[in-house]
């Protein structure tokens, strides 16, 4: 089905974006490290293939998708639930600036000055679906707003795909439900490109880990430990922002440090591990 442009959108930056397929990457505002890493890698690989990556500038999966597209040297568009003159959350002001500087855009169906209100975001999610050729759900708990975007995509005759997750995680319920009901299963960017008709051959291998994920010597990871304490947990996403590295790479390094006993998981993030007897690892 042809994708007509949504009328009446306000914008900052380059709008409409360059010609090419558009994919919305959506999901939880409080994803697992796995979900953030997948969203960032998909955003990167899709953008590098010439796909316009669309998301909502929210915390979690949205931000990871935008960051990935920027890392891939492509174009990304943030569809906002506020006026385009008001970045929400405010912590993403730098990300919004990076999107504009890279040739992307901030767009909104709401008037300038519109504050973030609960009712704005379901409407915003419909707009994301309308602007896209396909919607990919990375992680979504039951009742997640990302499922509103997926439902809108179905009603607008867009493609809907989902990334499988852990059967033990409530964040997998939404995506697994979509797959059970017929959504395309995504293991890598090629699965999405095939649906778009950009690349026909789809290999059944998983998302390729980024360079740098693995078991490097500890000296290559000293920079991560500087930003960790023994008591205050730091999330993978926050740590990635501090050291300006992709989430997937930071996650891989933290996994190595965890296996070495240098860090441990705590309260949704990571802290430095203590040796028995109270000394630092």
C-alpha atoms as a PDB file:
ATOM      1  CA  UNK A   1       0.000   0.000   0.000  1.00  0.00           C
ATOM      2  CA  UNK A   2       1.413   3.437  -0.880  1.00  0.00           C
ATOM      3  CA  UNK A   3       2.459   5.496   2.110  1.00  0.00           C
ATOM      4  CA  UNK A   4       0.856   8.964   1.906  1.00  0.00           C
ATOM      5  CA  UNK A   5       2.471  11.698   3.957  1.00  0.00           C
ATOM      6  CA  UNK A   6       0.662  12.689   7.125  1.00  0.00           C
ATOM      7  CA  UNK A   7      -0.770  16.154   6.657  1.00  0.00           C
ATOM      8  CA  UNK A   8      -0.294  19.031   9.062  1.00  0.00           C
ATOM      9  CA  UNK A   9       2.900  17.922  10.761  1.00  0.00           C
ATOM     10  CA  UNK A  10       5.126  20.548  12.307  1.00  0.00           C
ATOM     11  CA  UNK A  11       8.816  19.895  11.926  1.00  0.00           C
ATOM     12  CA  UNK A  12      12.362  20.894  12.721  1.00  0.00           C
ATOM     13  CA  UNK A  13      15.184  19.745  10.512  1.00  0.00           C
ATOM     14  CA  UNK A  14      14.913  18.083   7.108  1.00  0.00           C
ATOM     15  CA  UNK A  15      11.327  17.107   6.421  1.00  0.00           C
ATOM     16  CA  UNK A  16      10.281  15.172   4.428  1.00  0.00           C
ATOM     17  CA  UNK A  17      13.387  13.006   4.765  1.00  0.00           C
ATOM     18  CA  UNK A  18      15.341  11.628   1.801  1.00  0.00           C
ATOM     19  CA  UNK A  19      13.563   9.090  -0.392  1.00  0.00           C
ATOM     20  CA  UNK A  20      13.749   5.519   0.809  1.00  0.00           C
ATOM     21  CA  UNK A  21      12.026   2.962   3.007  1.00  0.00           C
ATOM     22  CA  UNK A  22      11.087   3.909   6.551  1.00  0.00           C
ATOM     23  CA  UNK A  23      11.001   1.626   9.572  1.00  0.00           C
ATOM     24  CA  UNK A  24       9.696   2.469  13.043  1.00  0.00           C
ATOM     25  CA  UNK A  25      11.614   0.799  15.868  1.00  0.00           C
ATOM     26  CA  UNK A  26       9.549   0.851  19.052  1.00  0.00           C
ATOM     27  CA  UNK A  27       9.463  -0.787  22.460  1.00  0.00           C
ATOM     28  CA  UNK A  28       9.670  -0.424  26.191  1.00  0.00           C
ATOM     29  CA  UNK A  29      10.797   2.715  28.003  1.00  0.00           C
ATOM     30  CA  UNK A  30      12.451   0.421  30.567  1.00  0.00           C
ATOM     31  CA  UNK A  31      14.010  -2.300  28.436  1.00  0.00           C
ATOM     32  CA  UNK A  32      16.506  -4.952  29.376  1.00  0.00           C
ATOM     33  CA  UNK A  33      20.147  -4.468  28.336  1.00  0.00           C
ATOM     34  CA  UNK A  34      19.456  -7.076  25.643  1.00  0.00           C
ATOM     35  CA  UNK A  35      16.574  -5.012  24.253  1.00  0.00           C
ATOM     36  CA  UNK A  36      18.582  -1.796  24.167  1.00  0.00           C
ATOM     37  CA  UNK A  37      21.492  -3.528  22.452  1.00  0.00           C
ATOM     38  CA  UNK A  38      19.200  -5.065  19.822  1.00  0.00           C
ATOM     39  CA  UNK A  39      17.435  -1.757  19.115  1.00  0.00           C
ATOM     40  CA  UNK A  40      20.729   0.060  18.749  1.00  0.00           C
ATOM     41  CA  UNK A  41      22.195  -2.570  16.446  1.00  0.00           C
ATOM     42  CA  UNK A  42      19.062  -2.784  14.289  1.00  0.00           C
ATOM     43  CA  UNK A  43      18.952   1.003  14.029  1.00  0.00           C
ATOM     44  CA  UNK A  44      22.607   1.060  13.014  1.00  0.00           C
ATOM     45  CA  UNK A  45      22.366  -1.682  10.392  1.00  0.00           C
ATOM     46  CA  UNK A  46      19.096  -0.424   8.903  1.00  0.00           C
ATOM     47  CA  UNK A  47      20.368   3.147   8.656  1.00  0.00           C
ATOM     48  CA  UNK A  48      23.579   1.941   7.021  1.00  0.00           C
ATOM     49  CA  UNK A  49      21.406   0.186   4.419  1.00  0.00           C
ATOM     50  CA  UNK A  50      19.607   3.436   3.593  1.00  0.00           C
ATOM     51  CA  UNK A  51      16.497   2.965   5.698  1.00  0.00           C
ATOM     52  CA  UNK A  52      15.035   5.991   7.489  1.00  0.00           C
ATOM     53  CA  UNK A  53      14.753   4.978  11.159  1.00  0.00           C
ATOM     54  CA  UNK A  54      11.679   6.387  12.904  1.00  0.00           C
ATOM     55  CA  UNK A  55      11.068   6.352  16.644  1.00  0.00           C
ATOM     56  CA  UNK A  56       9.606   8.459  19.419  1.00  0.00           C
ATOM     57  CA  UNK A  57      12.585  10.014  21.283  1.00  0.00           C
ATOM     58  CA  UNK A  58      11.391   8.318  24.489  1.00  0.00           C
ATOM     59  CA  UNK A  59      13.574   6.604  27.054  1.00  0.00           C
ATOM     60  CA  UNK A  60      14.697   3.059  26.391  1.00  0.00           C
ATOM     61  CA  UNK A  61      14.162   1.417  22.996  1.00  0.00           C
ATOM     62  CA  UNK A  62      13.356   4.689  21.203  1.00  0.00           C
ATOM     63  CA  UNK A  63      16.576   6.376  22.254  1.00  0.00           C
ATOM     64  CA  UNK A  64      18.618   3.264  21.443  1.00  0.00           C
ATOM     65  CA  UNK A  65      17.101   3.127  17.945  1.00  0.00           C
ATOM     66  CA  UNK A  66      17.920   6.787  17.295  1.00  0.00           C
ATOM     67  CA  UNK A  67      21.472   6.357  18.614  1.00  0.00           C
ATOM     68  CA  UNK A  68      21.983   3.306  16.445  1.00  0.00           C
ATOM     69  CA  UNK A  69      20.839   5.130  13.321  1.00  0.00           C
ATOM     70  CA  UNK A  70      23.239   7.971  14.088  1.00  0.00           C
ATOM     71  CA  UNK A  71      26.064   5.466  14.620  1.00  0.00           C
ATOM     72  CA  UNK A  72      25.197   3.926  11.252  1.00  0.00           C
ATOM     73  CA  UNK A  73      25.613   7.273   9.514  1.00  0.00           C
ATOM     74  CA  UNK A  74      21.977   7.377   8.438  1.00  0.00           C
ATOM     75  CA  UNK A  75      18.884   9.475   8.900  1.00  0.00           C
ATOM     76  CA  UNK A  76      16.520   9.184  11.839  1.00  0.00           C
ATOM     77  CA  UNK A  77      13.234  10.941  12.579  1.00  0.00           C
ATOM     78  CA  UNK A  78      11.767  11.520  16.049  1.00  0.00           C
ATOM     79  CA  UNK A  79       7.961  11.665  16.187  1.00  0.00           C
ATOM     80  CA  UNK A  80       7.097  13.599  19.310  1.00  0.00           C
ATOM     81  CA  UNK A  81       4.186  13.670  21.731  1.00  0.00           C
ATOM     82  CA  UNK A  82       4.863  17.352  22.452  1.00  0.00           C
ATOM     83  CA  UNK A  83       5.343  20.393  20.280  1.00  0.00           C
ATOM     84  CA  UNK A  84       8.555  20.250  18.243  1.00  0.00           C
ATOM     85  CA  UNK A  85       9.888  23.155  20.293  1.00  0.00           C
ATOM     86  CA  UNK A  86       9.819  21.088  23.505  1.00  0.00           C
ATOM     87  CA  UNK A  87      12.096  18.072  23.830  1.00  0.00           C
ATOM     88  CA  UNK A  88      10.688  15.413  26.144  1.00  0.00           C
ATOM     89  CA  UNK A  89      12.288  13.967  28.125  1.00  0.00           C
ATOM     90  CA  UNK A  90      14.617  16.900  28.657  1.00  0.00           C
ATOM     91  CA  UNK A  91      17.514  14.474  29.120  1.00  0.00           C
ATOM     92  CA  UNK A  92      17.296  13.783  25.378  1.00  0.00           C
ATOM     93  CA  UNK A  93      18.014  17.361  24.323  1.00  0.00           C
ATOM     94  CA  UNK A  94      21.505  16.361  23.178  1.00  0.00           C
ATOM     95  CA  UNK A  95      20.115  13.392  21.270  1.00  0.00           C
ATOM     96  CA  UNK A  96      17.588  15.675  19.560  1.00  0.00           C
ATOM     97  CA  UNK A  97      20.405  18.032  18.565  1.00  0.00           C
ATOM     98  CA  UNK A  98      22.393  15.117  17.156  1.00  0.00           C
ATOM     99  CA  UNK A  99      19.379  13.978  15.122  1.00  0.00           C
ATOM    100  CA  UNK A 100      19.026  17.437  13.587  1.00  0.00           C
ATOM    101  CA  UNK A 101      22.764  17.803  12.975  1.00  0.00           C
ATOM    102  CA  UNK A 102      22.825  14.489  11.117  1.00  0.00           C
ATOM    103  CA  UNK A 103      20.148  15.579   8.639  1.00  0.00           C
ATOM    104  CA  UNK A 104      17.192  14.070  10.469  1.00  0.00           C
ATOM    105  CA  UNK A 105      14.065  15.700  11.817  1.00  0.00           C
ATOM    106  CA  UNK A 106      11.817  16.214  14.799  1.00  0.00           C
ATOM    107  CA  UNK A 107       8.135  16.103  13.784  1.00  0.00           C
ATOM    108  CA  UNK A 108       4.868  16.483  15.664  1.00  0.00           C
ATOM    109  CA  UNK A 109       1.149  16.641  15.018  1.00  0.00           C
ATOM    110  CA  UNK A 110       0.839  18.948  18.033  1.00  0.00           C
ATOM    111  CA  UNK A 111       1.126  22.717  18.158  1.00  0.00           C
ATOM    112  CA  UNK A 112       4.273  24.390  19.415  1.00  0.00           C
ATOM    113  CA  UNK A 113       4.266  24.682  23.176  1.00  0.00           C
ATOM    114  CA  UNK A 114       2.221  21.495  23.705  1.00  0.00           C
ATOM    115  CA  UNK A 115       3.263  19.866  26.959  1.00  0.00           C
ATOM    116  CA  UNK A 116       3.635  16.083  27.389  1.00  0.00           C
ATOM    117  CA  UNK A 117       0.190  14.737  28.279  1.00  0.00           C
ATOM    118  CA  UNK A 118      -0.809  11.101  28.625  1.00  0.00           C
ATOM    119  CA  UNK A 119      -3.339  11.283  25.805  1.00  0.00           C
ATOM    120  CA  UNK A 120      -0.800  12.646  23.327  1.00  0.00           C
ATOM    121  CA  UNK A 121       1.295   9.519  23.105  1.00  0.00           C
ATOM    122  CA  UNK A 122      -1.213   6.999  21.710  1.00  0.00           C
ATOM    123  CA  UNK A 123      -1.983   9.540  18.968  1.00  0.00           C
ATOM    124  CA  UNK A 124       1.762   9.998  18.405  1.00  0.00           C
ATOM    125  CA  UNK A 125       2.129   6.227  18.073  1.00  0.00           C
ATOM    126  CA  UNK A 126      -0.453   6.149  15.294  1.00  0.00           C
ATOM    127  CA  UNK A 127       1.471   8.876  13.485  1.00  0.00           C
ATOM    128  CA  UNK A 128       4.685   6.833  13.743  1.00  0.00           C
ATOM    129  CA  UNK A 129       2.930   3.900  12.105  1.00  0.00           C
ATOM    130  CA  UNK A 130       1.453   6.104   9.385  1.00  0.00           C
ATOM    131  CA  UNK A 131       4.875   7.519   8.513  1.00  0.00           C
ATOM    132  CA  UNK A 132       6.481   4.079   8.259  1.00  0.00           C
ATOM    133  CA  UNK A 133       6.512   1.177   5.825  1.00  0.00           C
ATOM    134  CA  UNK A 134       7.075  -1.292   8.654  1.00  0.00           C
ATOM    135  CA  UNK A 135       6.992  -1.329  12.454  1.00  0.00           C
ATOM    136  CA  UNK A 136       9.430  -3.457  14.466  1.00  0.00           C
ATOM    137  CA  UNK A 137       8.647  -4.103  18.137  1.00  0.00           C
ATOM    138  CA  UNK A 138      11.818  -4.889  20.087  1.00  0.00           C
ATOM    139  CA  UNK A 139      10.573  -5.331  23.671  1.00  0.00           C
ATOM    140  CA  UNK A 140       7.073  -4.662  24.959  1.00  0.00           C
ATOM    141  CA  UNK A 141       5.272  -5.787  28.062  1.00  0.00           C
ATOM    142  CA  UNK A 142       1.555  -6.497  27.949  1.00  0.00           C
ATOM    143  CA  UNK A 143      -0.266  -3.176  27.468  1.00  0.00           C
ATOM    144  CA  UNK A 144       2.836  -1.342  26.221  1.00  0.00           C
ATOM    145  CA  UNK A 145       2.380   1.720  24.032  1.00  0.00           C
ATOM    146  CA  UNK A 146       4.524  -0.031  21.421  1.00  0.00           C
ATOM    147  CA  UNK A 147       1.620  -2.423  20.882  1.00  0.00           C
ATOM    148  CA  UNK A 148      -0.575   0.565  20.012  1.00  0.00           C
ATOM    149  CA  UNK A 149       1.913   1.386  17.259  1.00  0.00           C
ATOM    150  CA  UNK A 150       1.802  -2.221  16.049  1.00  0.00           C
ATOM    151  CA  UNK A 151      -2.006  -2.232  16.035  1.00  0.00           C
ATOM    152  CA  UNK A 152      -2.051   1.042  14.125  1.00  0.00           C
ATOM    153  CA  UNK A 153       0.361  -0.432  11.590  1.00  0.00           C
ATOM    154  CA  UNK A 154      -1.942  -3.411  11.034  1.00  0.00           C
ATOM    155  CA  UNK A 155      -4.958  -1.154  10.529  1.00  0.00           C
ATOM    156  CA  UNK A 156      -2.961   1.003   8.115  1.00  0.00           C
ATOM    157  CA  UNK A 157      -1.816  -2.089   6.181  1.00  0.00           C
ATOM    158  CA  UNK A 158       1.817  -1.686   7.183  1.00  0.00           C
ATOM    159  CA  UNK A 159       4.177  -4.558   7.899  1.00  0.00           C
ATOM    160  CA  UNK A 160       4.554  -5.595  11.563  1.00  0.00           C
ATOM    161  CA  UNK A 161       7.606  -7.460  12.838  1.00  0.00           C
ATOM    162  CA  UNK A 162       8.905  -8.314  16.293  1.00  0.00           C
ATOM    163  CA  UNK A 163      12.118  -9.386  17.984  1.00  0.00           C
ATOM    164  CA  UNK A 164      11.845 -12.476  20.199  1.00  0.00           C
ATOM    165  CA  UNK A 165      13.117 -12.262  23.750  1.00  0.00           C
ATOM    166  CA  UNK A 166      13.514 -14.359  26.869  1.00  0.00           C
ATOM    167  CA  UNK A 167      10.541 -16.520  27.822  1.00  0.00           C
ATOM    168  CA  UNK A 168      11.269 -15.549  31.429  1.00  0.00           C
ATOM    169  CA  UNK A 169      10.871 -11.812  30.844  1.00  0.00           C
ATOM    170  CA  UNK A 170       7.544  -9.920  30.991  1.00  0.00           C
ATOM    171  CA  UNK A 171       9.077  -7.580  28.414  1.00  0.00           C
ATOM    172  CA  UNK A 172       8.800 -10.403  25.862  1.00  0.00           C
ATOM    173  CA  UNK A 173       5.050 -10.909  26.230  1.00  0.00           C
ATOM    174  CA  UNK A 174       4.017  -8.255  23.707  1.00  0.00           C
ATOM    175  CA  UNK A 175       6.515  -9.194  21.010  1.00  0.00           C
ATOM    176  CA  UNK A 176       5.855 -12.913  21.419  1.00  0.00           C
ATOM    177  CA  UNK A 177       2.132 -12.305  21.157  1.00  0.00           C
ATOM    178  CA  UNK A 178       2.648 -10.452  17.881  1.00  0.00           C
ATOM    179  CA  UNK A 179       4.804 -13.275  16.502  1.00  0.00           C
ATOM    180  CA  UNK A 180       2.206 -15.851  17.578  1.00  0.00           C
ATOM    181  CA  UNK A 181      -0.448 -13.836  15.711  1.00  0.00           C
ATOM    182  CA  UNK A 182       1.592 -13.696  12.500  1.00  0.00           C
ATOM    183  CA  UNK A 183       4.088 -10.835  12.806  1.00  0.00           C
ATOM    184  CA  UNK A 184       7.422 -11.380  11.087  1.00  0.00           C
ATOM    185  CA  UNK A 185      10.224 -12.633  13.329  1.00  0.00           C
ATOM    186  CA  UNK A 186      13.353 -10.455  13.352  1.00  0.00           C
ATOM    187  CA  UNK A 187      16.783 -11.921  14.025  1.00  0.00           C
ATOM    188  CA  UNK A 188      18.756  -9.336  12.088  1.00  0.00           C
ATOM    189  CA  UNK A 189      18.399  -6.302   9.847  1.00  0.00           C
ATOM    190  CA  UNK A 190      18.215  -8.509   6.757  1.00  0.00           C
ATOM    191  CA  UNK A 191      14.892  -9.897   7.980  1.00  0.00           C
ATOM    192  CA  UNK A 192      13.502  -6.351   7.944  1.00  0.00           C
ATOM    193  CA  UNK A 193      15.119  -5.453   4.619  1.00  0.00           C
ATOM    194  CA  UNK A 194      13.611  -8.552   3.004  1.00  0.00           C
ATOM    195  CA  UNK A 195      10.096  -7.500   4.054  1.00  0.00           C
ATOM    196  CA  UNK A 196      10.768  -4.064   2.585  1.00  0.00           C
ATOM    197  CA  UNK A 197      11.972  -5.626  -0.674  1.00  0.00           C
ATOM    198  CA  UNK A 198      15.391  -4.027  -0.245  1.00  0.00           C
ATOM    199  CA  UNK A 199      17.222  -7.346   0.012  1.00  0.00           C
ATOM    200  CA  UNK A 200      15.660 -10.661  -0.904  1.00  0.00           C
ATOM    201  CA  UNK A 201      18.138 -13.137   0.571  1.00  0.00           C
ATOM    202  CA  UNK A 202      17.639 -13.678   4.279  1.00  0.00           C
ATOM    203  CA  UNK A 203      20.152 -15.766   6.184  1.00  0.00           C
ATOM    204  CA  UNK A 204      18.901 -17.424   9.342  1.00  0.00           C
ATOM    205  CA  UNK A 205      21.746 -16.250  11.532  1.00  0.00           C
ATOM    206  CA  UNK A 206      21.453 -13.977  14.577  1.00  0.00           C
ATOM    207  CA  UNK A 207      22.251 -10.306  14.784  1.00  0.00           C
ATOM    208  CA  UNK A 208      25.993  -9.943  14.361  1.00  0.00           C
ATOM    209  CA  UNK A 209      27.677  -8.714  17.549  1.00  0.00           C
ATOM    210  CA  UNK A 210      29.445  -5.378  17.111  1.00  0.00           C
ATOM    211  CA  UNK A 211      33.243  -5.161  17.067  1.00  0.00           C
ATOM    212  CA  UNK A 212      34.603  -4.844  20.573  1.00  0.00           C
ATOM    213  CA  UNK A 213      32.119  -7.180  22.248  1.00  0.00           C
ATOM    214  CA  UNK A 214      34.069 -10.004  23.783  1.00  0.00           C
ATOM    215  CA  UNK A 215      36.797 -10.722  26.258  1.00  0.00           C
ATOM    216  CA  UNK A 216      39.418  -8.061  25.828  1.00  0.00           C
ATOM    217  CA  UNK A 217      42.213  -7.519  28.330  1.00  0.00           C
ATOM    218  CA  UNK A 218      41.048  -5.659  31.420  1.00  0.00           C
ATOM    219  CA  UNK A 219      43.018  -2.554  30.509  1.00  0.00           C
ATOM    220  CA  UNK A 220      40.651  -1.980  27.575  1.00  0.00           C
ATOM    221  CA  UNK A 221      37.751  -1.740  30.009  1.00  0.00           C
ATOM    222  CA  UNK A 222      39.241   0.392  32.787  1.00  0.00           C
ATOM    223  CA  UNK A 223      37.154   3.344  31.591  1.00  0.00           C
ATOM    224  CA  UNK A 224      33.943   1.550  32.529  1.00  0.00           C
ATOM    225  CA  UNK A 225      35.020   0.857  36.091  1.00  0.00           C
ATOM    226  CA  UNK A 226      35.760   4.539  36.695  1.00  0.00           C
ATOM    227  CA  UNK A 227      32.037   5.250  36.312  1.00  0.00           C
ATOM    228  CA  UNK A 228      30.877   2.531  38.720  1.00  0.00           C
ATOM    229  CA  UNK A 229      30.625   2.595  42.513  1.00  0.00           C
ATOM    230  CA  UNK A 230      30.116  -0.154  45.091  1.00  0.00           C
ATOM    231  CA  UNK A 231      26.634   1.042  46.095  1.00  0.00           C
ATOM    232  CA  UNK A 232      24.915   3.131  43.409  1.00  0.00           C
ATOM    233  CA  UNK A 233      23.843   1.021  40.435  1.00  0.00           C
ATOM    234  CA  UNK A 234      24.358   2.452  36.944  1.00  0.00           C
ATOM    235  CA  UNK A 235      22.271   1.175  34.020  1.00  0.00           C
ATOM    236  CA  UNK A 236      23.886  -0.015  30.814  1.00  0.00           C
ATOM    237  CA  UNK A 237      22.296   2.838  28.874  1.00  0.00           C
ATOM    238  CA  UNK A 238      23.535   5.479  31.317  1.00  0.00           C
ATOM    239  CA  UNK A 239      27.026   4.005  31.270  1.00  0.00           C
ATOM    240  CA  UNK A 240      27.003   3.932  27.463  1.00  0.00           C
ATOM    241  CA  UNK A 241      26.107   7.625  27.418  1.00  0.00           C
ATOM    242  CA  UNK A 242      28.897   8.456  29.864  1.00  0.00           C
ATOM    243  CA  UNK A 243      31.612   6.661  27.910  1.00  0.00           C
ATOM    244  CA  UNK A 244      30.062   7.456  24.493  1.00  0.00           C
ATOM    245  CA  UNK A 245      30.054   3.840  23.301  1.00  0.00           C
ATOM    246  CA  UNK A 246      27.267   1.712  21.795  1.00  0.00           C
ATOM    247  CA  UNK A 247      25.062  -0.066  24.311  1.00  0.00           C
ATOM    248  CA  UNK A 248      25.945  -3.446  22.817  1.00  0.00           C
ATOM    249  CA  UNK A 249      29.662  -2.866  23.286  1.00  0.00           C
ATOM    250  CA  UNK A 250      29.233  -1.698  26.884  1.00  0.00           C
ATOM    251  CA  UNK A 251      27.018  -4.711  27.614  1.00  0.00           C
ATOM    252  CA  UNK A 252      29.659  -7.067  26.231  1.00  0.00           C
ATOM    253  CA  UNK A 253      32.381  -5.489  28.320  1.00  0.00           C
ATOM    254  CA  UNK A 254      30.261  -5.573  31.460  1.00  0.00           C
ATOM    255  CA  UNK A 255      29.560  -9.258  30.850  1.00  0.00           C
ATOM    256  CA  UNK A 256      33.291  -9.903  30.673  1.00  0.00           C
ATOM    257  CA  UNK A 257      33.879  -7.917  33.859  1.00  0.00           C
ATOM    258  CA  UNK A 258      31.078  -9.792  35.580  1.00  0.00           C
ATOM    259  CA  UNK A 259      32.652 -13.126  34.664  1.00  0.00           C
ATOM    260  CA  UNK A 260      35.961 -11.848  36.055  1.00  0.00           C
ATOM    261  CA  UNK A 261      34.234 -10.870  39.299  1.00  0.00           C
ATOM    262  CA  UNK A 262      34.946  -7.169  38.882  1.00  0.00           C
ATOM    263  CA  UNK A 263      31.292  -6.049  38.664  1.00  0.00           C
ATOM    264  CA  UNK A 264      27.899  -7.449  39.624  1.00  0.00           C
ATOM    265  CA  UNK A 265      24.300  -6.740  38.729  1.00  0.00           C
ATOM    266  CA  UNK A 266      22.271  -4.750  41.220  1.00  0.00           C
ATOM    267  CA  UNK A 267      18.930  -2.876  41.131  1.00  0.00           C
ATOM    268  CA  UNK A 268      18.597  -2.918  37.363  1.00  0.00           C
ATOM    269  CA  UNK A 269      22.193  -1.852  36.728  1.00  0.00           C
ATOM    270  CA  UNK A 270      25.768  -2.652  37.636  1.00  0.00           C
ATOM    271  CA  UNK A 271      28.026  -1.894  40.588  1.00  0.00           C
ATOM    272  CA  UNK A 272      31.644  -2.708  41.381  1.00  0.00           C
ATOM    273  CA  UNK A 273      31.944  -6.074  43.081  1.00  0.00           C
ATOM    274  CA  UNK A 274      33.555  -6.421  46.475  1.00  0.00           C
ATOM    275  CA  UNK A 275      35.905  -9.239  47.329  1.00  0.00           C
ATOM    276  CA  UNK A 276      35.051 -11.407  50.301  1.00  0.00           C
ATOM    277  CA  UNK A 277      36.177  -9.584  53.363  1.00  0.00           C
ATOM    278  CA  UNK A 278      35.110  -6.198  51.980  1.00  0.00           C
ATOM    279  CA  UNK A 279      37.959  -5.423  49.597  1.00  0.00           C
ATOM    280  CA  UNK A 280      37.421  -4.254  46.052  1.00  0.00           C
ATOM    281  CA  UNK A 281      37.547  -6.775  43.242  1.00  0.00           C
END
